[in-house]
Amino acid sequence: MFGLTLGEFQAYGYFALTAFLVVMLYWYIYHLYSSEKKGTKDYEKYANMALHDEITDELVEKKEDSKTEDSKQDRET
């Protein structure tokens, strides 16, 4: 198989996997910073969920109830 020994094949595979994971890590970090800068998501709020997890703590994000939106649209028509 192309003159590669099993050890060489494993080494190339390990290098390719490591390079792929490094690229994915930098893409993910870029995604986090760019989405925070655009204002679409604030991931620091989500990071604080581990610290503020009491039942009496305020919500990170309010949940929009799709049932109430559907019923409002039904009433208008």
Protein backbone atom coordinates (compact mmCIF):
# COMPACT_ATOMS: atom_id res chain seq x y z
CA MET A 1 0.00 0.00 0.00
CA PHE A 2 2.02 2.94 -1.37
CA GLY A 3 5.14 1.66 0.39
CA LEU A 4 4.00 2.81 3.83
CA THR A 5 4.42 0.73 6.91
CA LEU A 6 1.66 0.58 9.47
CA GLY A 7 3.62 2.86 11.82
CA GLU A 8 4.10 5.51 9.13
CA PHE A 9 0.44 5.31 8.17
CA GLN A 10 -0.57 5.81 11.82
CA ALA A 11 1.81 8.76 12.16
CA TYR A 12 0.36 10.50 9.09
CA GLY A 13 -3.16 9.78 10.31
CA TYR A 14 -2.36 11.16 13.76
CA PHE A 15 -0.86 14.31 12.25
CA ALA A 16 -3.85 14.84 9.94
CA LEU A 17 -6.33 14.33 12.80
CA THR A 18 -4.41 16.71 15.07
CA ALA A 19 -4.23 19.37 12.34
CA PHE A 20 -7.97 18.99 11.65
CA LEU A 21 -8.84 19.35 15.34
CA VAL A 22 -6.63 22.45 15.67
CA VAL A 23 -8.36 24.07 12.68
CA MET A 24 -11.78 23.24 14.14
CA LEU A 25 -10.78 24.67 17.53
CA TYR A 26 -9.65 27.98 15.99
CA TRP A 27 -12.84 28.12 13.87
CA TYR A 28 -14.97 27.60 16.98
CA ILE A 29 -13.11 30.31 18.91
CA TYR A 30 -13.55 32.68 15.96
CA HIS A 31 -17.26 31.83 15.82
CA LEU A 32 -17.70 32.59 19.53
CA TYR A 33 -15.95 35.95 19.36
CA SER A 34 -17.57 37.04 16.11
CA SER A 35 -21.10 36.17 17.24
CA GLU A 36 -20.54 38.01 20.51
CA LYS A 37 -19.18 41.02 18.65
CA LYS A 38 -22.19 41.05 16.29
CA GLY A 39 -24.50 40.84 19.28
CA THR A 40 -26.34 37.72 18.18
CA LYS A 41 -25.38 35.68 21.27
CA ASP A 42 -23.71 36.43 24.57
CA TYR A 43 -22.05 33.18 25.55
CA GLU A 44 -20.78 34.58 28.85
CA LYS A 45 -24.38 34.48 30.09
CA TYR A 46 -24.49 30.78 29.32
CA ALA A 47 -21.17 30.24 31.07
CA ASN A 48 -22.64 31.74 34.25
CA MET A 49 -25.40 29.12 34.30
CA ALA A 50 -23.08 26.75 36.15
CA LEU A 51 -22.55 29.32 38.88
CA HIS A 52 -26.14 30.56 39.13
CA ASP A 53 -28.25 27.43 39.04
CA GLU A 54 -30.62 27.97 41.93
CA ILE A 55 -34.34 27.74 41.29
CA THR A 56 -34.76 31.36 42.40
CA ASP A 57 -32.10 32.78 40.06
CA GLU A 58 -33.23 34.79 37.07
CA LEU A 59 -33.40 33.19 33.63
CA VAL A 60 -30.57 33.51 31.17
CA GLU A 61 -32.95 33.84 28.25
CA LYS A 62 -36.73 34.11 28.25
CA LYS A 63 -38.45 31.27 26.45
CA GLU A 64 -40.85 32.27 23.72
CA ASP A 65 -43.99 30.17 23.89
CA SER A 66 -44.95 29.10 20.38
CA LYS A 67 -48.43 28.01 21.52
CA THR A 68 -49.40 31.54 22.52
CA GLU A 69 -48.10 32.95 19.25
CA ASP A 70 -50.13 30.40 17.27
CA SER A 71 -53.28 31.11 19.23
CA LYS A 72 -52.85 34.88 18.67
CA GLN A 73 -52.57 34.31 14.93
CA ASP A 74 -55.68 32.08 14.97
CA ARG A 75 -57.69 34.75 16.75
CA GLU A 76 -56.66 37.43 14.23
CA THR A 77 -57.87 35.44 11.22
